[in-house]
Full PDB file with SEQRES, HELIX, SHEET, SSBOND, CRYST1, ORIGX, SCALE, CONECT and MASTER records, all heavy atoms in Angstrom:
SEQRES   1 A   32  PHE MET LEU VAL ASP GLY GLY LYS MET SER LYS SER LEU          
SEQRES   2 A   32  LYS ASN THR TYR THR VAL ASP GLN LEU ILE GLU LYS GLY          
SEQRES   3 A   32  TYR SER PRO LEU ASP PHE                                      
HELIX    1 AA1 LYS A   11  LEU A   13  5                                   3    
HELIX    2 AA2 VAL A   19  GLU A   24  1                                   6    
CRYST1    1.000    1.000    1.000  90.00  90.00  90.00 P 1           1          
ORIGX1      1.000000  0.000000  0.000000        0.00000                         
ORIGX2      0.000000  1.000000  0.000000        0.00000                         
ORIGX3      0.000000  0.000000  1.000000        0.00000                         
SCALE1      1.000000  0.000000  0.000000        0.00000                         
SCALE2      0.000000  1.000000  0.000000        0.00000                         
SCALE3      0.000000  0.000000  1.000000        0.00000                         
ATOM      1  N   PHE A   1      11.199  -7.398  -2.807  1.00  0.00           N  
ATOM      2  CA  PHE A   1       9.818  -6.980  -3.227  1.00  0.00           C  
ATOM      3  C   PHE A   1       8.907  -6.945  -2.093  1.00  0.00           C  
ATOM      4  O   PHE A   1       8.872  -7.698  -1.184  1.00  0.00           O  
ATOM      5  CB  PHE A   1       9.215  -7.858  -4.319  1.00  0.00           C  
ATOM      6  CG  PHE A   1       9.793  -7.624  -5.680  1.00  0.00           C  
ATOM      7  CD1 PHE A   1      10.360  -8.701  -6.302  1.00  0.00           C  
ATOM      8  CD2 PHE A   1       9.755  -6.409  -6.288  1.00  0.00           C  
ATOM      9  CE1 PHE A   1      10.854  -8.542  -7.623  1.00  0.00           C  
ATOM     10  CE2 PHE A   1      10.197  -6.276  -7.658  1.00  0.00           C  
ATOM     11  CZ  PHE A   1      10.718  -7.298  -8.259  1.00  0.00           C  
ATOM     12  N   MET A   2       7.906  -5.968  -2.123  1.00  0.00           N  
ATOM     13  CA  MET A   2       6.809  -6.038  -1.354  1.00  0.00           C  
ATOM     14  C   MET A   2       5.642  -6.576  -2.114  1.00  0.00           C  
ATOM     15  O   MET A   2       5.354  -6.109  -3.251  1.00  0.00           O  
ATOM     16  CB  MET A   2       6.330  -4.578  -0.741  1.00  0.00           C  
ATOM     17  CG  MET A   2       5.122  -4.612   0.087  1.00  0.00           C  
ATOM     18  SD  MET A   2       4.836  -3.087   0.900  1.00  0.00           S  
ATOM     19  CE  MET A   2       5.896  -3.301   2.328  1.00  0.00           C  
ATOM     20  N   LEU A   3       4.951  -7.601  -1.626  1.00  0.00           N  
ATOM     21  CA  LEU A   3       3.840  -8.127  -2.304  1.00  0.00           C  
ATOM     22  C   LEU A   3       2.562  -7.515  -1.693  1.00  0.00           C  
ATOM     23  O   LEU A   3       2.628  -6.840  -0.679  1.00  0.00           O  
ATOM     24  CB  LEU A   3       3.739  -9.786  -2.133  1.00  0.00           C  
ATOM     25  CG  LEU A   3       5.012 -10.418  -2.492  1.00  0.00           C  
ATOM     26  CD1 LEU A   3       4.839 -11.941  -2.065  1.00  0.00           C  
ATOM     27  CD2 LEU A   3       5.420 -10.267  -3.888  1.00  0.00           C  
ATOM     28  N   VAL A   4       1.401  -7.819  -2.298  1.00  0.00           N  
ATOM     29  CA  VAL A   4       0.148  -7.319  -1.761  1.00  0.00           C  
ATOM     30  C   VAL A   4      -0.823  -8.458  -1.865  1.00  0.00           C  
ATOM     31  O   VAL A   4      -1.024  -8.961  -3.017  1.00  0.00           O  
ATOM     32  CB  VAL A   4      -0.411  -6.034  -2.457  1.00  0.00           C  
ATOM     33  CG1 VAL A   4      -0.649  -6.245  -3.882  1.00  0.00           C  
ATOM     34  CG2 VAL A   4      -1.681  -5.535  -1.775  1.00  0.00           C  
ATOM     35  N   ASP A   5      -1.349  -8.862  -0.691  1.00  0.00           N  
ATOM     36  CA  ASP A   5      -2.177 -10.059  -0.576  1.00  0.00           C  
ATOM     37  C   ASP A   5      -1.657 -11.291  -1.342  1.00  0.00           C  
ATOM     38  O   ASP A   5      -2.341 -11.961  -1.991  1.00  0.00           O  
ATOM     39  CB  ASP A   5      -3.604  -9.683  -1.242  1.00  0.00           C  
ATOM     40  CG  ASP A   5      -4.302  -8.636  -0.317  1.00  0.00           C  
ATOM     41  OD1 ASP A   5      -4.193  -8.728   0.870  1.00  0.00           O  
ATOM     42  OD2 ASP A   5      -5.003  -7.779  -0.914  1.00  0.00           O  
ATOM     43  N   GLY A   6      -0.341 -11.428  -1.234  1.00  0.00           N  
ATOM     44  CA  GLY A   6       0.359 -12.554  -1.721  1.00  0.00           C  
ATOM     45  C   GLY A   6       0.786 -12.417  -3.262  1.00  0.00           C  
ATOM     46  O   GLY A   6       1.404 -13.382  -3.702  1.00  0.00           O  
ATOM     47  N   GLY A   7       0.403 -11.379  -3.862  1.00  0.00           N  
ATOM     48  CA  GLY A   7       0.708 -11.237  -5.250  1.00  0.00           C  
ATOM     49  C   GLY A   7       1.578 -10.000  -5.606  1.00  0.00           C  
ATOM     50  O   GLY A   7       1.952  -9.260  -4.652  1.00  0.00           O  
ATOM     51  N   LYS A   8       1.895  -9.820  -6.879  1.00  0.00           N  
ATOM     52  CA  LYS A   8       2.745  -8.701  -7.299  1.00  0.00           C  
ATOM     53  C   LYS A   8       2.093  -7.363  -6.991  1.00  0.00           C  
ATOM     54  O   LYS A   8       0.850  -7.188  -7.230  1.00  0.00           O  
ATOM     55  CB  LYS A   8       3.182  -8.828  -8.722  1.00  0.00           C  
ATOM     56  CG  LYS A   8       4.089  -7.745  -9.185  1.00  0.00           C  
ATOM     57  CD  LYS A   8       4.352  -7.874 -10.695  1.00  0.00           C  
ATOM     58  CE  LYS A   8       5.279  -6.858 -11.130  1.00  0.00           C  
ATOM     59  NZ  LYS A   8       5.563  -6.997 -12.651  1.00  0.00           N  
ATOM     60  N   MET A   9       2.871  -6.404  -6.569  1.00  0.00           N  
ATOM     61  CA  MET A   9       2.386  -5.040  -6.346  1.00  0.00           C  
ATOM     62  C   MET A   9       2.981  -4.139  -7.513  1.00  0.00           C  
ATOM     63  O   MET A   9       4.153  -4.138  -7.736  1.00  0.00           O  
ATOM     64  CB  MET A   9       2.840  -4.497  -5.016  1.00  0.00           C  
ATOM     65  CG  MET A   9       2.381  -2.952  -4.892  1.00  0.00           C  
ATOM     66  SD  MET A   9       3.055  -2.272  -3.271  1.00  0.00           S  
ATOM     67  CE  MET A   9       2.073  -3.146  -2.041  1.00  0.00           C  
ATOM     68  N   SER A  10       2.101  -3.473  -8.272  1.00  0.00           N  
ATOM     69  CA  SER A  10       2.464  -2.643  -9.297  1.00  0.00           C  
ATOM     70  C   SER A  10       1.488  -1.698  -9.710  1.00  0.00           C  
ATOM     71  O   SER A  10       0.256  -1.920  -9.518  1.00  0.00           O  
ATOM     72  CB  SER A  10       2.982  -3.424 -10.522  1.00  0.00           C  
ATOM     73  OG  SER A  10       1.847  -3.983 -11.199  1.00  0.00           O  
ATOM     74  N   LYS A  11       1.899  -0.533 -10.180  1.00  0.00           N  
ATOM     75  CA  LYS A  11       0.909   0.517 -10.697  1.00  0.00           C  
ATOM     76  C   LYS A  11       0.118   0.033 -11.784  1.00  0.00           C  
ATOM     77  O   LYS A  11      -1.072   0.341 -11.903  1.00  0.00           O  
ATOM     78  CB  LYS A  11       1.697   1.721 -11.196  1.00  0.00           C  
ATOM     79  CG  LYS A  11       2.390   2.533 -10.027  1.00  0.00           C  
ATOM     80  CD  LYS A  11       3.039   3.850 -10.553  1.00  0.00           C  
ATOM     81  CE  LYS A  11       3.772   4.645  -9.387  1.00  0.00           C  
ATOM     82  NZ  LYS A  11       5.030   4.010  -9.032  1.00  0.00           N  
ATOM     83  N   SER A  12       0.625  -0.940 -12.658  1.00  0.00           N  
ATOM     84  CA  SER A  12      -0.100  -1.327 -13.797  1.00  0.00           C  
ATOM     85  C   SER A  12      -1.320  -2.344 -13.370  1.00  0.00           C  
ATOM     86  O   SER A  12      -2.294  -2.365 -14.018  1.00  0.00           O  
ATOM     87  CB  SER A  12       0.783  -2.183 -14.808  1.00  0.00           C  
ATOM     88  OG  SER A  12       1.395  -3.218 -14.138  1.00  0.00           O  
ATOM     89  N   LEU A  13      -1.108  -2.962 -12.164  1.00  0.00           N  
ATOM     90  CA  LEU A  13      -2.172  -3.845 -11.649  1.00  0.00           C  
ATOM     91  C   LEU A  13      -3.121  -3.028 -10.811  1.00  0.00           C  
ATOM     92  O   LEU A  13      -4.116  -3.606 -10.314  1.00  0.00           O  
ATOM     93  CB  LEU A  13      -1.515  -5.034 -10.793  1.00  0.00           C  
ATOM     94  CG  LEU A  13      -0.652  -5.895 -11.612  1.00  0.00           C  
ATOM     95  CD1 LEU A  13       0.089  -6.864 -10.687  1.00  0.00           C  
ATOM     96  CD2 LEU A  13      -1.467  -6.640 -12.760  1.00  0.00           C  
ATOM     97  N   LYS A  14      -2.845  -1.799 -10.582  1.00  0.00           N  
ATOM     98  CA  LYS A  14      -3.705  -0.964  -9.828  1.00  0.00           C  
ATOM     99  C   LYS A  14      -3.927  -1.471  -8.318  1.00  0.00           C  
ATOM    100  O   LYS A  14      -5.166  -1.417  -7.878  1.00  0.00           O  
ATOM    101  CB  LYS A  14      -4.978  -0.649 -10.528  1.00  0.00           C  
ATOM    102  CG  LYS A  14      -4.847   0.091 -11.781  1.00  0.00           C  
ATOM    103  CD  LYS A  14      -6.143   0.295 -12.529  1.00  0.00           C  
ATOM    104  CE  LYS A  14      -5.866   1.065 -13.828  1.00  0.00           C  
ATOM    105  NZ  LYS A  14      -7.169   1.225 -14.539  1.00  0.00           N  
ATOM    106  N   ASN A  15      -2.930  -2.074  -7.692  1.00  0.00           N  
ATOM    107  CA  ASN A  15      -3.046  -2.594  -6.419  1.00  0.00           C  
ATOM    108  C   ASN A  15      -2.008  -2.026  -5.424  1.00  0.00           C  
ATOM    109  O   ASN A  15      -1.574  -2.618  -4.560  1.00  0.00           O  
ATOM    110  CB  ASN A  15      -2.959  -4.097  -6.401  1.00  0.00           C  
ATOM    111  CG  ASN A  15      -1.619  -4.672  -6.888  1.00  0.00           C  
ATOM    112  OD1 ASN A  15      -0.763  -3.915  -7.380  1.00  0.00           O  
ATOM    113  ND2 ASN A  15      -1.518  -5.975  -6.740  1.00  0.00           N  
ATOM    114  N   THR A  16      -1.606  -0.733  -5.760  1.00  0.00           N  
ATOM    115  CA  THR A  16      -0.720  -0.061  -4.892  1.00  0.00           C  
ATOM    116  C   THR A  16      -1.420   0.927  -3.937  1.00  0.00           C  
ATOM    117  O   THR A  16      -2.473   1.339  -4.211  1.00  0.00           O  
ATOM    118  CB  THR A  16       0.353   0.699  -5.729  1.00  0.00           C  
ATOM    119  OG1 THR A  16      -0.373   1.749  -6.511  1.00  0.00           O  
ATOM    120  CG2 THR A  16       1.019  -0.205  -6.711  1.00  0.00           C  
ATOM    121  N   TYR A  17      -0.652   1.277  -2.897  1.00  0.00           N  
ATOM    122  CA  TYR A  17      -1.196   2.203  -1.869  1.00  0.00           C  
ATOM    123  C   TYR A  17      -0.132   3.240  -1.753  1.00  0.00           C  
ATOM    124  O   TYR A  17       1.147   3.003  -1.731  1.00  0.00           O  
ATOM    125  CB  TYR A  17      -1.539   1.675  -0.687  1.00  0.00           C  
ATOM    126  CG  TYR A  17      -2.616   0.532  -0.794  1.00  0.00           C  
ATOM    127  CD1 TYR A  17      -2.216  -0.840  -0.876  1.00  0.00           C  
ATOM    128  CD2 TYR A  17      -3.894   0.929  -0.835  1.00  0.00           C  
ATOM    129  CE1 TYR A  17      -3.192  -1.838  -0.939  1.00  0.00           C  
ATOM    130  CE2 TYR A  17      -4.947  -0.055  -0.925  1.00  0.00           C  
ATOM    131  CZ  TYR A  17      -4.572  -1.451  -1.107  1.00  0.00           C  
ATOM    132  OH  TYR A  17      -5.487  -2.392  -1.158  1.00  0.00           O  
ATOM    133  N   THR A  18      -0.487   4.555  -1.443  1.00  0.00           N  
ATOM    134  CA  THR A  18       0.397   5.598  -1.072  1.00  0.00           C  
ATOM    135  C   THR A  18       0.396   5.869   0.525  1.00  0.00           C  
ATOM    136  O   THR A  18      -0.587   5.358   1.098  1.00  0.00           O  
ATOM    137  CB  THR A  18       0.152   6.838  -1.810  1.00  0.00           C  
ATOM    138  OG1 THR A  18      -1.152   7.363  -1.375  1.00  0.00           O  
ATOM    139  CG2 THR A  18       0.045   6.766  -3.307  1.00  0.00           C  
ATOM    140  N   VAL A  19       1.261   6.594   0.913  1.00  0.00           N  
ATOM    141  CA  VAL A  19       1.341   7.017   2.319  1.00  0.00           C  
ATOM    142  C   VAL A  19       0.046   7.752   2.652  1.00  0.00           C  
ATOM    143  O   VAL A  19      -0.598   7.493   3.758  1.00  0.00           O  
ATOM    144  CB  VAL A  19       2.537   7.776   2.671  1.00  0.00           C  
ATOM    145  CG1 VAL A  19       2.487   8.421   4.061  1.00  0.00           C  
ATOM    146  CG2 VAL A  19       3.847   6.987   2.535  1.00  0.00           C  
ATOM    147  N   ASP A  20      -0.414   8.692   1.801  1.00  0.00           N  
ATOM    148  CA  ASP A  20      -1.680   9.333   2.125  1.00  0.00           C  
ATOM    149  C   ASP A  20      -2.926   8.417   2.185  1.00  0.00           C  
ATOM    150  O   ASP A  20      -3.723   8.612   3.078  1.00  0.00           O  
ATOM    151  CB  ASP A  20      -1.855  10.319   0.944  1.00  0.00           C  
ATOM    152  CG  ASP A  20      -1.108  11.622   1.078  1.00  0.00           C  
ATOM    153  OD1 ASP A  20      -0.754  11.921   2.257  1.00  0.00           O  
ATOM    154  OD2 ASP A  20      -0.830  12.366   0.045  1.00  0.00           O  
ATOM    155  N   GLN A  21      -2.911   7.314   1.364  1.00  0.00           N  
ATOM    156  CA  GLN A  21      -4.003   6.468   1.430  1.00  0.00           C  
ATOM    157  C   GLN A  21      -3.943   5.695   2.772  1.00  0.00           C  
ATOM    158  O   GLN A  21      -4.997   5.459   3.354  1.00  0.00           O  
ATOM    159  CB  GLN A  21      -3.960   5.469   0.174  1.00  0.00           C  
ATOM    160  CG  GLN A  21      -4.379   6.185  -1.073  1.00  0.00           C  
ATOM    161  CD  GLN A  21      -4.168   5.339  -2.268  1.00  0.00           C  
ATOM    162  OE1 GLN A  21      -3.161   4.539  -2.323  1.00  0.00           O  
ATOM    163  NE2 GLN A  21      -5.035   5.369  -3.284  1.00  0.00           N  
ATOM    164  N   LEU A  22      -2.780   5.336   3.237  1.00  0.00           N  
ATOM    165  CA  LEU A  22      -2.693   4.605   4.561  1.00  0.00           C  
ATOM    166  C   LEU A  22      -3.166   5.654   5.677  1.00  0.00           C  
ATOM    167  O   LEU A  22      -3.944   5.054   6.550  1.00  0.00           O  
ATOM    168  CB  LEU A  22      -1.302   4.161   4.857  1.00  0.00           C  
ATOM    169  CG  LEU A  22      -0.700   3.164   3.887  1.00  0.00           C  
ATOM    170  CD1 LEU A  22       0.781   2.728   4.416  1.00  0.00           C  
ATOM    171  CD2 LEU A  22      -1.639   1.893   3.893  1.00  0.00           C  
ATOM    172  N   ILE A  23      -2.786   6.809   5.555  1.00  0.00           N  
ATOM    173  CA  ILE A  23      -3.329   7.827   6.582  1.00  0.00           C  
ATOM    174  C   ILE A  23      -4.800   7.936   6.614  1.00  0.00           C  
ATOM    175  O   ILE A  23      -5.433   7.959   7.632  1.00  0.00           O  
ATOM    176  CB  ILE A  23      -2.582   9.200   6.331  1.00  0.00           C  
ATOM    177  CG1 ILE A  23      -1.130   9.096   6.591  1.00  0.00           C  
ATOM    178  CG2 ILE A  23      -3.174  10.268   7.244  1.00  0.00           C  
ATOM    179  CD1 ILE A  23      -0.267  10.294   6.243  1.00  0.00           C  
ATOM    180  N   GLU A  24      -5.324   7.889   5.374  1.00  0.00           N  
ATOM    181  CA  GLU A  24      -6.771   7.991   5.272  1.00  0.00           C  
ATOM    182  C   GLU A  24      -7.495   6.766   5.886  1.00  0.00           C  
ATOM    183  O   GLU A  24      -8.634   6.915   6.390  1.00  0.00           O  
ATOM    184  CB  GLU A  24      -7.242   8.089   3.819  1.00  0.00           C  
ATOM    185  CG  GLU A  24      -6.828   9.445   3.115  1.00  0.00           C  
ATOM    186  CD  GLU A  24      -7.124   9.367   1.636  1.00  0.00           C  
ATOM    187  OE1 GLU A  24      -7.583   8.343   1.069  1.00  0.00           O  
ATOM    188  OE2 GLU A  24      -6.726  10.361   0.936  1.00  0.00           O  
ATOM    189  N   LYS A  25      -6.784   5.677   5.904  1.00  0.00           N  
ATOM    190  CA  LYS A  25      -7.369   4.447   6.528  1.00  0.00           C  
ATOM    191  C   LYS A  25      -7.115   4.296   7.975  1.00  0.00           C  
ATOM    192  O   LYS A  25      -7.455   3.343   8.674  1.00  0.00           O  
ATOM    193  CB  LYS A  25      -6.850   3.212   5.794  1.00  0.00           C  
ATOM    194  CG  LYS A  25      -7.337   3.109   4.354  1.00  0.00           C  
ATOM    195  CD  LYS A  25      -6.878   1.882   3.670  1.00  0.00           C  
ATOM    196  CE  LYS A  25      -7.377   1.764   2.243  1.00  0.00           C  
ATOM    197  NZ  LYS A  25      -8.832   1.405   2.285  1.00  0.00           N  
ATOM    198  N   GLY A  26      -6.490   5.323   8.569  1.00  0.00           N  
ATOM    199  CA  GLY A  26      -6.296   5.411  10.035  1.00  0.00           C  
ATOM    200  C   GLY A  26      -4.893   4.900  10.482  1.00  0.00           C  
ATOM    201  O   GLY A  26      -4.803   4.840  11.637  1.00  0.00           O  
ATOM    202  N   TYR A  27      -3.923   4.837   9.585  1.00  0.00           N  
ATOM    203  CA  TYR A  27      -2.628   4.334  10.079  1.00  0.00           C  
ATOM    204  C   TYR A  27      -1.612   5.537   9.977  1.00  0.00           C  
ATOM    205  O   TYR A  27      -1.854   6.457   9.182  1.00  0.00           O  
ATOM    206  CB  TYR A  27      -2.114   3.307   9.127  1.00  0.00           C  
ATOM    207  CG  TYR A  27      -2.968   2.069   8.964  1.00  0.00           C  
ATOM    208  CD1 TYR A  27      -3.679   1.819   7.781  1.00  0.00           C  
ATOM    209  CD2 TYR A  27      -3.102   1.137   9.942  1.00  0.00           C  
ATOM    210  CE1 TYR A  27      -4.602   0.813   7.698  1.00  0.00           C  
ATOM    211  CE2 TYR A  27      -4.002   0.028   9.899  1.00  0.00           C  
ATOM    212  CZ  TYR A  27      -4.702  -0.143   8.706  1.00  0.00           C  
ATOM    213  OH  TYR A  27      -5.462  -1.195   8.602  1.00  0.00           O  
ATOM    214  N   SER A  28      -0.722   5.517  10.889  1.00  0.00           N  
ATOM    215  CA  SER A  28       0.320   6.611  10.739  1.00  0.00           C  
ATOM    216  C   SER A  28       1.466   6.059   9.863  1.00  0.00           C  
ATOM    217  O   SER A  28       1.595   4.843   9.721  1.00  0.00           O  
ATOM    218  CB  SER A  28       0.890   6.877  12.181  1.00  0.00           C  
ATOM    219  OG  SER A  28       1.789   5.788  12.593  1.00  0.00           O  
ATOM    220  N   PRO A  29       2.244   7.020   9.263  1.00  0.00           N  
ATOM    221  CA  PRO A  29       3.477   6.489   8.491  1.00  0.00           C  
ATOM    222  C   PRO A  29       4.349   5.595   9.362  1.00  0.00           C  
ATOM    223  O   PRO A  29       4.902   4.687   8.712  1.00  0.00           O  
ATOM    224  CB  PRO A  29       4.136   7.849   8.086  1.00  0.00           C  
ATOM    225  CG  PRO A  29       3.029   8.809   8.155  1.00  0.00           C  
ATOM    226  CD  PRO A  29       2.093   8.429   9.270  1.00  0.00           C  
ATOM    227  N   LEU A  30       4.557   5.827  10.589  1.00  0.00           N  
ATOM    228  CA  LEU A  30       5.360   5.091  11.433  1.00  0.00           C  
ATOM    229  C   LEU A  30       4.778   3.641  11.672  1.00  0.00           C  
ATOM    230  O   LEU A  30       5.592   2.708  11.933  1.00  0.00           O  
ATOM    231  CB  LEU A  30       5.726   5.709  12.629  1.00  0.00           C  
ATOM    232  CG  LEU A  30       6.592   6.999  12.528  1.00  0.00           C  
ATOM    233  CD1 LEU A  30       7.200   7.370  13.918  1.00  0.00           C  
ATOM    234  CD2 LEU A  30       7.725   6.745  11.610  1.00  0.00           C  
ATOM    235  N   ASP A  31       3.501   3.454  11.654  1.00  0.00           N  
ATOM    236  CA  ASP A  31       2.882   2.215  11.641  1.00  0.00           C  
ATOM    237  C   ASP A  31       3.371   1.358  10.530  1.00  0.00           C  
ATOM    238  O   ASP A  31       3.687   0.185  10.569  1.00  0.00           O  
ATOM    239  CB  ASP A  31       1.372   2.248  11.565  1.00  0.00           C  
ATOM    240  CG  ASP A  31       0.776   2.819  12.777  1.00  0.00           C  
ATOM    241  OD1 ASP A  31       1.410   2.789  13.841  1.00  0.00           O  
ATOM    242  OD2 ASP A  31      -0.452   3.299  12.710  1.00  0.00           O  
ATOM    243  N   PHE A  32       3.474   2.053   9.300  1.00  0.00           N  
ATOM    244  CA  PHE A  32       3.924   1.333   8.121  1.00  0.00           C  
ATOM    245  C   PHE A  32       5.463   0.974   8.185  1.00  0.00           C  
ATOM    246  O   PHE A  32       5.923  -0.080   7.820  1.00  0.00           O  
ATOM    247  CB  PHE A  32       3.656   2.129   6.873  1.00  0.00           C  
ATOM    248  CG  PHE A  32       4.296   1.494   5.576  1.00  0.00           C  
ATOM    249  CD1 PHE A  32       3.730   0.408   5.067  1.00  0.00           C  
ATOM    250  CD2 PHE A  32       5.424   2.072   4.955  1.00  0.00           C  
ATOM    251  CE1 PHE A  32       4.398  -0.315   3.929  1.00  0.00           C  
ATOM    252  CE2 PHE A  32       6.000   1.520   3.830  1.00  0.00           C  
ATOM    253  CZ  PHE A  32       5.448   0.367   3.352  1.00  0.00           C  
TER     254      PHE A  32                                                      
MASTER        0    0    0    2    0    0    0    6  253    1    0    3          
END                                                                             
């Protein structure tokens, strides 16, 4: 699993990110 801030990551918890969202925050896909 990948966690987020130490907890579960899931669509139902609304704490997921997409590649597009990472790009919007200034990261490249290869950074991820």
